[in-house]
Protein backbone atom coordinates (compact mmCIF):
# COMPACT_ATOMS: atom_id res chain seq x y z
CA MET A 1 20.01 -9.75 0.82
CA LYS A 2 18.48 -6.21 0.42
CA LYS A 3 14.81 -4.91 1.10
CA LYS A 4 12.56 -3.65 -0.79
CA MET A 5 12.06 -0.15 -1.04
CA HIS A 6 8.35 -0.30 -1.59
CA ASP A 7 5.90 -2.73 -0.56
CA LYS A 8 2.54 -2.37 -2.69
CA PRO A 9 0.22 -0.28 -0.94
CA LEU A 10 -1.80 -1.12 2.02
CA ALA A 11 -4.41 1.41 1.09
CA GLN A 12 -4.67 3.34 -1.50
CA ASN A 13 -6.78 7.00 -2.45
CA ARG A 14 -7.71 6.24 -5.96
CA LYS A 15 -10.67 8.37 -6.31
CA ALA A 16 -8.32 11.41 -5.62
CA ARG A 17 -6.45 10.87 -9.20
CA HIS A 18 -9.90 11.68 -10.82
CA ASP A 19 -11.28 14.62 -8.44
CA TYR A 20 -7.44 15.68 -8.37
CA THR A 21 -5.41 16.78 -10.78
CA ILE A 22 -1.94 15.73 -8.55
CA GLU A 23 0.84 18.55 -8.74
CA ASP A 24 3.52 17.45 -6.49
CA THR A 25 4.01 14.51 -4.29
CA ILE A 26 5.68 13.97 -0.91
CA GLU A 27 6.72 10.91 1.24
CA ALA A 28 5.98 11.51 5.37
CA GLY A 29 6.00 9.24 7.98
CA ILE A 30 2.82 9.34 10.62
CA GLU A 31 3.08 8.77 14.21
CA LEU A 32 0.57 5.61 15.36
CA ARG A 33 -0.84 4.55 18.51
CA GLY A 34 -1.25 0.75 20.03
CA THR A 35 -2.90 -1.04 17.33
CA GLU A 36 -2.98 1.26 14.79
CA ILE A 37 -0.10 -0.30 12.88
CA LYS A 38 -1.82 -4.04 13.18
CA SER A 39 -4.44 -2.97 11.81
CA ILE A 40 -2.93 -0.65 8.70
CA ARG A 41 -0.88 -4.40 8.47
CA ARG A 42 -3.29 -6.28 7.59
CA GLY A 43 -4.61 -3.71 5.18
CA SER A 44 -7.81 -1.87 6.90
CA ALA A 45 -7.55 1.09 6.42
CA ASN A 46 -9.04 3.41 4.29
CA LEU A 47 -7.67 7.25 2.63
CA LYS A 48 -11.26 8.28 0.84
CA ASP A 49 -12.30 11.98 2.22
CA SER A 50 -9.01 12.73 3.99
CA TYR A 51 -6.90 15.53 3.64
CA ALA A 52 -3.78 17.02 5.48
CA ARG A 53 -3.84 20.46 6.44
CA VAL A 54 -0.72 22.24 8.65
CA TYR A 55 -2.00 23.46 11.99
CA ARG A 56 0.29 25.49 14.57
CA GLY A 57 3.10 24.75 12.60
CA GLU A 58 2.85 20.83 12.19
CA MET A 59 1.02 18.89 9.39
CA TYR A 60 -2.12 16.88 10.39
CA VAL A 61 -3.89 14.31 8.12
CA TYR A 62 -8.41 14.18 9.00
CA ASN A 63 -10.65 11.63 8.38
CA MET A 64 -8.27 8.70 7.59
CA HIS A 65 -10.13 5.92 8.70
CA ILE A 66 -8.51 2.77 10.32
CA ALA A 67 -10.33 0.21 11.43
CA PRO A 68 -10.12 -1.07 15.37
CA TYR A 69 -7.92 -4.20 16.09
CA GLU A 70 -10.35 -6.97 16.85
CA GLU A 71 -7.52 -8.39 19.45
CA GLY A 72 -6.56 -5.27 20.48
CA ASN A 73 -9.38 -5.42 23.37
CA ARG A 74 -8.88 -1.77 25.38
CA TYR A 75 -6.04 -0.77 23.99
CA ASN A 76 -7.85 0.20 20.77
CA HIS A 77 -8.11 3.56 19.22
CA ASP A 78 -10.24 6.16 17.41
CA PRO A 79 -10.62 4.98 13.66
CA LEU A 80 -10.95 8.66 12.48
CA ARG A 81 -8.49 10.61 15.28
CA THR A 82 -6.43 13.56 13.90
CA ARG A 83 -2.96 12.16 13.09
CA LYS A 84 0.25 13.83 13.02
CA LEU A 85 1.98 13.81 9.51
CA LEU A 86 6.20 13.57 10.79
CA LEU A 87 7.61 16.27 8.42
CA LYS A 88 11.04 18.38 7.92
CA ARG A 89 10.05 22.53 8.80
CA LYS A 90 11.77 23.06 5.73
CA GLU A 91 9.34 20.37 3.84
CA ILE A 92 6.09 21.75 6.01
CA ASP A 93 6.72 25.15 4.79
CA LYS A 94 7.04 24.31 0.95
CA LEU A 95 3.84 22.39 1.31
CA LEU A 96 2.64 25.36 2.69
CA GLY A 97 3.56 27.99 -0.26
CA GLU A 98 2.34 25.20 -2.56
CA THR A 99 -1.15 25.43 -1.22
CA GLN A 100 -1.43 29.11 -0.46
CA ASP A 101 -2.95 29.78 -3.65
CA PRO A 102 -7.51 29.27 -3.77
CA GLY A 103 -8.04 25.54 -5.22
CA TYR A 104 -5.10 23.52 -3.57
CA SER A 105 -5.22 21.17 -1.33
CA ILE A 106 -2.89 18.35 0.27
CA ILE A 107 -4.31 14.40 -0.90
CA PRO A 108 -3.14 11.27 1.24
CA LEU A 109 -2.48 9.28 -1.80
CA LYS A 110 -0.97 6.27 -0.72
CA LEU A 111 -0.06 4.07 3.07
CA TYR A 112 2.34 1.58 2.36
CA ILE A 113 4.99 -0.53 4.89
CA LYS A 114 8.77 1.18 4.13
CA ASN A 115 11.71 -0.49 5.83
CA GLY A 116 10.10 -1.00 8.69
CA PHE A 117 7.41 2.00 8.56
CA CYS A 118 4.63 3.13 8.14
CA LYS A 119 4.97 6.05 5.13
CA VAL A 120 2.49 8.13 3.13
CA LEU A 121 2.20 9.88 0.21
CA LEU A 122 0.50 12.84 -0.01
CA GLY A 123 0.37 15.03 -3.47
CA VAL A 124 -0.64 18.69 -3.46
CA ALA A 125 -3.88 18.57 -5.80
CA ARG A 126 -6.02 21.01 -8.07
CA GLY A 127 -9.46 20.04 -8.05
CA LYS A 128 -10.57 19.10 -11.57
CA LYS A 129 -13.70 20.59 -12.54
CA LYS A 130 -16.72 18.49 -14.11
CA TYR A 131 -15.64 19.18 -17.82
CA ASP A 132 -11.76 18.20 -16.88
CA LYS A 133 -13.21 14.68 -15.76
CA ARG A 134 -14.55 13.78 -19.06
CA GLU A 135 -11.80 14.64 -20.32
CA ASP A 136 -9.83 12.25 -18.72
CA LEU A 137 -12.58 9.78 -19.50
CA LYS A 138 -12.15 9.98 -23.01
CA LYS A 139 -8.69 10.03 -23.58
CA LYS A 140 -8.80 6.94 -21.26
CA GLN A 141 -10.81 4.50 -23.33
CA MET A 142 -9.36 5.96 -26.45
CA LYS A 143 -6.29 4.78 -25.48
CA ARG A 144 -7.23 1.45 -24.59
CA ASP A 145 -9.33 0.98 -27.54
CA ILE A 146 -6.30 1.92 -29.33
CA ASP A 147 -4.11 -0.60 -27.02
CA ARG A 148 -6.91 -3.67 -27.75
CA ALA A 149 -6.20 -2.92 -31.63
CA MET A 150 -2.99 -2.78 -31.24
CA LYS A 151 -2.44 -6.09 -29.57
CA ASP A 152 -5.65 -7.45 -31.82
CA ARG A 153 -3.09 -6.90 -34.84
CA MET A 154 -0.65 -8.48 -33.43
CA GLN A 155 -2.12 -11.89 -33.36
């Protein structure tokens, strides 16, 4: 029996697609300690306001909240600690090159389990202006109205 390649996301940064234009994505492993994986599997992770940055040639994710595991007694972890991302040198250099321009940043989009390992989907993002956000909302609403009208017409 073949394993699923992508399980459902355990944590997702929904606001990222609203606030940023995602131009490129890359999958990275994440270095976890102790009971962090148990909390993630339970769904106690939050990617809101998190971002990734290169520090001393290695990629780290900041402000990613993983709630302490209740049954973990003294082996629990700091919920907002900085976590190292597992990427190859070429991938880090590519991401660093793409984010050199002003306005670009690296945002975690999704946290999921793949083949038994915890993975993070990173997106190279460019911030949207207010008018871009309004335009996207208008397009989304128009598409919803068209789909609803087509559905009513078919019945």
